[in-house]
Amino acid sequence: MERRVVSGDGTPIACFLDGVGPALVMIHGMTFDHATAWSRLTPLLSDRFELCAIDRRGRGASGDGPAYSFEREIYDVLSVASSFDGPVTLFGHSFGATIAMEAAPLLGNLRALVLYEPSISSFDPWPQGSIARMEQLLATGERAELLRVFFCDVMGLESRTFAALRAMRSWPARIESAHTIPREARADDEYVFDPGKFTSLRVPTLVIAGSESPVGFGPAARAVHAAIPNSQLVVLEGQGHDAAITAPAVLAEAIQDFMGAL
């Protein structure tokens, strides 16, 4: 079931509800929408949780504001989470985990927090000139090349893997939302992680990392774990940054074990 929540600047944010149980608000990372991020994971969680999968602004069924900022993303999540009558758990992946982490201290009905490899660029800086290059490609309408730069030049995908990505049914949706990549990359590049901001965050928190993830994600996860007092760190052995797609059962088990112990 689709629900729309109006964010603070008037932008409609779409979220998709499934399942029964404690509310779990799901916040995807860059280049995704709710369907491409979670389609393999949600069937494994919907028998235990009421899932609320957000389409972040600028993609999928959500609207977009006239101006972008990281703070607007935070208030999008707050608007969705506070629309629930009872307590909610925030679950974010990558850039979505960074948003969830920043929203958490501001949310009055927060029950718990699940952060799968927050994206903190100070641990793995963007390649020099890559963000400006993507901004230029967006300005000239070269969205497919923008995606190639992001996935191959920045993320290090091999040409064969990128060709397989282009052949997927989700490729047109990635083209349509390609404008979100440079602005989120710029926000990620400018984000400053302040551990002191989270010393008073006392909700149970699960920080997840993959043993095979790209450099930077592991150190970032450990720094977040150290900053949040009531947190635990779980490393998914043999998994990388996208276990929601490559090993959804492994990720679902980690979430269920954590939530079941609350």
Protein backbone atom coordinates (compact mmCIF):
# COMPACT_ATOMS: atom_id res chain seq x y z
CA MET A 1 0.00 0.00 0.00
CA GLU A 2 1.30 3.43 -0.92
CA ARG A 3 1.13 6.33 1.52
CA ARG A 4 2.19 9.92 0.87
CA VAL A 5 3.47 12.19 3.60
CA VAL A 6 4.06 15.90 3.04
CA SER A 7 7.51 16.97 4.20
CA GLY A 8 8.36 20.28 5.82
CA ASP A 9 8.96 22.11 2.53
CA GLY A 10 5.74 20.78 0.99
CA THR A 11 7.36 17.95 -1.00
CA PRO A 12 5.25 14.76 -1.09
CA ILE A 13 7.28 11.75 0.05
CA ALA A 14 5.96 8.35 -1.00
CA CYS A 15 6.37 5.34 1.22
CA PHE A 16 5.21 1.79 0.66
CA LEU A 17 3.68 -0.24 3.47
CA ASP A 18 3.79 -4.01 3.83
CA GLY A 19 3.60 -6.49 6.67
CA VAL A 20 2.39 -6.51 10.27
CA GLY A 21 4.30 -5.81 13.45
CA PRO A 22 6.59 -3.11 14.85
CA ALA A 23 7.17 -0.28 12.38
CA LEU A 24 10.45 -0.39 10.42
CA VAL A 25 11.09 2.69 8.26
CA MET A 26 13.52 1.83 5.43
CA ILE A 27 15.75 4.50 3.85
CA HIS A 28 17.65 3.53 0.71
CA GLY A 29 21.00 4.81 -0.53
CA MET A 30 22.18 6.56 -3.69
CA THR A 31 20.94 5.45 -7.15
CA PHE A 32 18.09 3.40 -5.66
CA ASP A 33 14.39 3.77 -5.04
CA HIS A 34 12.39 1.64 -2.61
CA ALA A 35 11.84 -1.15 -5.14
CA THR A 36 15.38 -1.50 -6.48
CA ALA A 37 16.83 -1.30 -2.95
CA TRP A 38 14.54 -3.63 -1.02
CA SER A 39 12.62 -5.95 -3.37
CA ARG A 40 14.60 -9.03 -2.27
CA LEU A 41 14.68 -8.10 1.43
CA THR A 42 11.09 -7.08 2.19
CA PRO A 43 9.55 -10.55 1.67
CA LEU A 44 11.91 -11.85 4.37
CA LEU A 45 10.86 -9.20 6.91
CA SER A 46 7.18 -8.56 6.24
CA ASP A 47 5.98 -11.38 8.50
CA ARG A 48 7.60 -9.70 11.52
CA PHE A 49 7.45 -5.96 10.83
CA GLU A 50 5.25 -3.28 9.36
CA LEU A 51 7.65 -2.13 6.67
CA CYS A 52 7.60 1.45 5.46
CA ALA A 53 9.95 1.76 2.48
CA ILE A 54 10.56 5.37 1.47
CA ASP A 55 11.20 6.68 -2.01
CA ARG A 56 13.62 9.46 -1.15
CA ARG A 57 12.94 12.83 -2.76
CA GLY A 58 13.57 13.13 -6.47
CA ARG A 59 12.89 9.52 -7.43
CA GLY A 60 10.17 6.91 -7.70
CA ALA A 61 6.75 8.10 -6.60
CA SER A 62 8.07 10.95 -4.44
CA GLY A 63 8.17 14.58 -5.43
CA ASP A 64 11.14 16.91 -5.45
CA GLY A 65 11.66 20.38 -4.06
CA PRO A 66 13.02 23.41 -5.93
CA ALA A 67 16.24 23.24 -3.91
CA TYR A 68 18.15 20.33 -2.42
CA SER A 69 19.89 20.00 0.91
CA PHE A 70 20.92 17.19 3.21
CA GLU A 71 18.78 18.75 5.94
CA ARG A 72 15.67 18.39 3.76
CA GLU A 73 16.36 14.66 3.50
CA ILE A 74 16.52 14.46 7.30
CA TYR A 75 13.16 16.18 7.66
CA ASP A 76 11.64 13.93 5.00
CA VAL A 77 12.46 10.96 7.23
CA LEU A 78 11.20 12.74 10.33
CA SER A 79 7.92 13.54 8.58
CA VAL A 80 7.39 9.92 7.58
CA ALA A 81 8.46 8.42 10.92
CA SER A 82 6.40 10.82 13.01
CA SER A 83 3.28 9.97 10.99
CA PHE A 84 3.13 6.66 12.89
CA ASP A 85 1.14 6.63 16.13
CA GLY A 86 3.57 4.33 17.93
CA PRO A 87 7.34 3.82 18.11
CA VAL A 88 9.38 3.21 14.97
CA THR A 89 12.76 1.79 14.06
CA LEU A 90 14.81 3.59 11.40
CA PHE A 91 16.78 1.36 9.03
CA GLY A 92 19.10 3.06 6.56
CA HIS A 93 21.66 1.87 4.03
CA SER A 94 24.73 3.82 2.90
CA PHE A 95 23.76 7.49 2.33
CA GLY A 96 20.32 6.54 3.66
CA ALA A 97 22.00 5.30 6.86
CA THR A 98 23.71 8.66 7.27
CA ILE A 99 20.33 10.37 6.94
CA ALA A 100 18.78 7.96 9.45
CA MET A 101 21.63 8.54 11.89
CA GLU A 102 21.23 12.31 11.74
CA ALA A 103 17.44 12.07 12.05
CA ALA A 104 17.57 9.75 15.07
CA PRO A 105 18.32 12.32 17.82
CA LEU A 106 15.46 14.49 16.54
CA LEU A 107 12.77 11.78 16.48
CA GLY A 108 10.54 11.56 19.51
CA ASN A 109 9.03 8.13 18.76
CA LEU A 110 12.27 6.33 17.93
CA ARG A 111 12.41 2.76 19.23
CA ALA A 112 15.67 1.57 17.67
CA LEU A 113 18.14 2.31 14.90
CA VAL A 114 19.70 0.04 12.26
CA LEU A 115 22.57 1.48 10.21
CA TYR A 116 24.06 -0.55 7.35
CA GLU A 117 27.39 1.08 6.45
CA PRO A 118 26.72 4.81 6.74
CA SER A 119 28.42 6.77 3.98
CA ILE A 120 30.97 9.14 5.52
CA SER A 121 33.30 10.45 2.83
CA SER A 122 36.06 11.49 5.23
CA PHE A 123 36.89 7.79 5.53
CA ASP A 124 36.98 7.33 1.74
CA PRO A 125 37.04 10.67 -0.15
CA TRP A 126 35.40 11.02 -3.54
CA PRO A 127 37.97 10.80 -6.37
CA GLN A 128 39.26 14.24 -7.24
CA GLY A 129 37.09 15.93 -9.84
CA SER A 130 34.48 13.14 -9.95
CA ILE A 131 31.61 15.16 -8.50
CA ALA A 132 32.27 18.14 -10.79
CA ARG A 133 32.41 15.73 -13.75
CA MET A 134 29.01 14.26 -12.84
CA GLU A 135 27.55 17.74 -12.39
CA GLN A 136 28.80 18.64 -15.87
CA LEU A 137 27.31 15.52 -17.41
CA LEU A 138 23.97 16.26 -15.78
CA ALA A 139 24.03 19.81 -17.13
CA THR A 140 24.56 18.50 -20.67
CA GLY A 141 21.90 15.79 -20.34
CA GLU A 142 24.32 12.85 -20.49
CA ARG A 143 22.64 10.79 -17.80
CA ALA A 144 23.84 7.38 -18.98
CA GLU A 145 27.44 8.56 -18.94
CA LEU A 146 26.88 10.09 -15.51
CA LEU A 147 25.83 6.67 -14.26
CA ARG A 148 28.87 5.08 -15.89
CA VAL A 149 31.16 7.55 -14.15
CA PHE A 150 29.49 6.87 -10.80
CA PHE A 151 29.45 3.09 -11.01
CA CYS A 152 32.73 2.48 -12.85
CA ASP A 153 35.03 5.41 -12.10
CA VAL A 154 33.86 6.06 -8.54
CA MET A 155 32.53 2.74 -7.27
CA GLY A 156 34.94 0.59 -9.29
CA LEU A 157 32.49 -1.69 -11.08
CA GLU A 158 34.03 -3.74 -13.87
CA SER A 159 32.73 -3.13 -17.37
CA ARG A 160 31.06 -6.56 -17.49
CA THR A 161 29.21 -5.91 -14.23
CA PHE A 162 28.15 -2.48 -15.41
CA ALA A 163 26.85 -3.97 -18.68
CA ALA A 164 24.74 -6.40 -16.64
CA LEU A 165 23.42 -3.48 -14.59
CA ARG A 166 22.39 -1.65 -17.78
CA ALA A 167 20.50 -4.74 -18.94
CA MET A 168 18.31 -4.84 -15.83
CA ARG A 169 14.69 -3.70 -15.88
CA SER A 170 15.59 -1.08 -13.27
CA TRP A 171 17.93 0.78 -15.65
CA PRO A 172 15.31 3.26 -16.95
CA ALA A 173 14.47 4.20 -13.35
CA ARG A 174 18.16 4.80 -12.66
CA ILE A 175 18.36 7.04 -15.73
CA GLU A 176 15.29 8.97 -14.58
CA SER A 177 16.72 9.60 -11.12
CA ALA A 178 20.33 10.20 -12.21
CA HIS A 179 20.00 13.89 -11.31
CA THR A 180 19.99 12.91 -7.64
CA ILE A 181 23.52 11.46 -7.74
CA PRO A 182 25.65 14.63 -8.10
CA ARG A 183 23.71 16.55 -5.46
CA GLU A 184 23.85 13.68 -2.98
CA ALA A 185 27.53 13.15 -3.75
CA ARG A 186 28.15 16.83 -3.04
CA ALA A 187 26.20 16.56 0.24
CA ASP A 188 28.12 13.43 1.21
CA ASP A 189 31.42 15.12 0.37
CA GLU A 190 30.54 18.12 2.55
CA TYR A 191 29.12 16.08 5.46
CA VAL A 192 31.12 16.30 8.68
CA PHE A 193 30.68 13.43 11.10
CA ASP A 194 30.50 14.77 14.67
CA PRO A 195 30.67 11.88 17.18
CA GLY A 196 29.69 14.21 20.03
CA LYS A 197 26.27 14.69 18.47
CA PHE A 198 25.34 11.10 19.32
CA THR A 199 26.57 10.69 22.90
CA SER A 200 23.05 11.28 24.24
CA LEU A 201 21.41 8.88 21.77
CA ARG A 202 20.39 5.99 24.01
CA VAL A 203 18.13 3.87 21.79
CA PRO A 204 19.34 0.37 20.92
CA THR A 205 21.38 0.63 17.73
CA LEU A 206 22.68 -1.99 15.31
CA VAL A 207 25.58 -0.99 13.08
CA ILE A 208 26.15 -3.41 10.19
CA ALA A 209 29.28 -3.73 8.06
CA GLY A 210 30.32 -6.14 5.33
CA SER A 211 33.72 -7.81 5.57
CA GLU A 212 34.22 -7.38 1.81
CA SER A 213 32.91 -3.82 1.41
CA PRO A 214 34.94 -1.11 -0.34
CA VAL A 215 37.56 0.67 1.72
CA GLY A 216 36.10 3.34 3.98
CA PHE A 217 32.81 1.70 4.90
CA GLY A 218 34.31 -0.50 7.60
CA PRO A 219 36.16 2.32 9.39
CA ALA A 220 33.05 4.51 9.12
CA ALA A 221 30.88 1.79 10.68
CA ARG A 222 33.34 1.34 13.53
CA ALA A 223 33.45 5.10 14.17
CA VAL A 224 29.64 5.26 14.30
CA HIS A 225 29.56 2.26 16.64
CA ALA A 226 32.07 3.98 18.94
CA ALA A 227 30.03 7.21 18.94
CA ILE A 228 26.61 5.72 19.83
CA PRO A 229 26.61 4.45 23.44
CA ASN A 230 23.97 1.71 23.21
CA SER A 231 25.15 0.19 19.93
CA GLN A 232 26.45 -3.11 18.69
CA LEU A 233 28.50 -3.81 15.59
CA VAL A 234 27.80 -6.84 13.41
CA VAL A 235 30.10 -7.76 10.53
CA LEU A 236 28.52 -9.80 7.74
CA GLU A 237 31.33 -12.16 6.80
CA GLY A 238 31.83 -12.62 3.08
CA GLN A 239 29.39 -9.80 2.23
CA GLY A 240 29.90 -6.37 0.75
CA HIS A 241 28.01 -3.11 0.63
CA ASP A 242 24.85 -4.42 -1.05
CA ALA A 243 23.81 -7.46 0.96
CA ALA A 244 20.15 -6.40 0.64
CA ILE A 245 20.51 -7.52 -2.99
CA THR A 246 23.29 -10.11 -2.94
CA ALA A 247 22.50 -11.86 0.37
CA PRO A 248 19.11 -10.68 1.64
CA ALA A 249 18.63 -13.68 3.95
CA VAL A 250 21.89 -12.88 5.75
CA LEU A 251 20.91 -9.25 6.24
CA ALA A 252 17.35 -10.15 7.29
CA GLU A 253 18.69 -12.56 9.93
CA ALA A 254 20.93 -9.85 11.41
CA ILE A 255 18.01 -7.43 11.64
CA GLN A 256 15.63 -10.02 13.08
CA ASP A 257 18.15 -11.17 15.69
CA PHE A 258 18.71 -7.58 16.81
CA MET A 259 15.04 -6.63 16.89
CA GLY A 260 14.04 -9.88 18.57
CA ALA A 261 16.33 -9.13 21.49
CA LEU A 262 14.78 -5.72 22.23
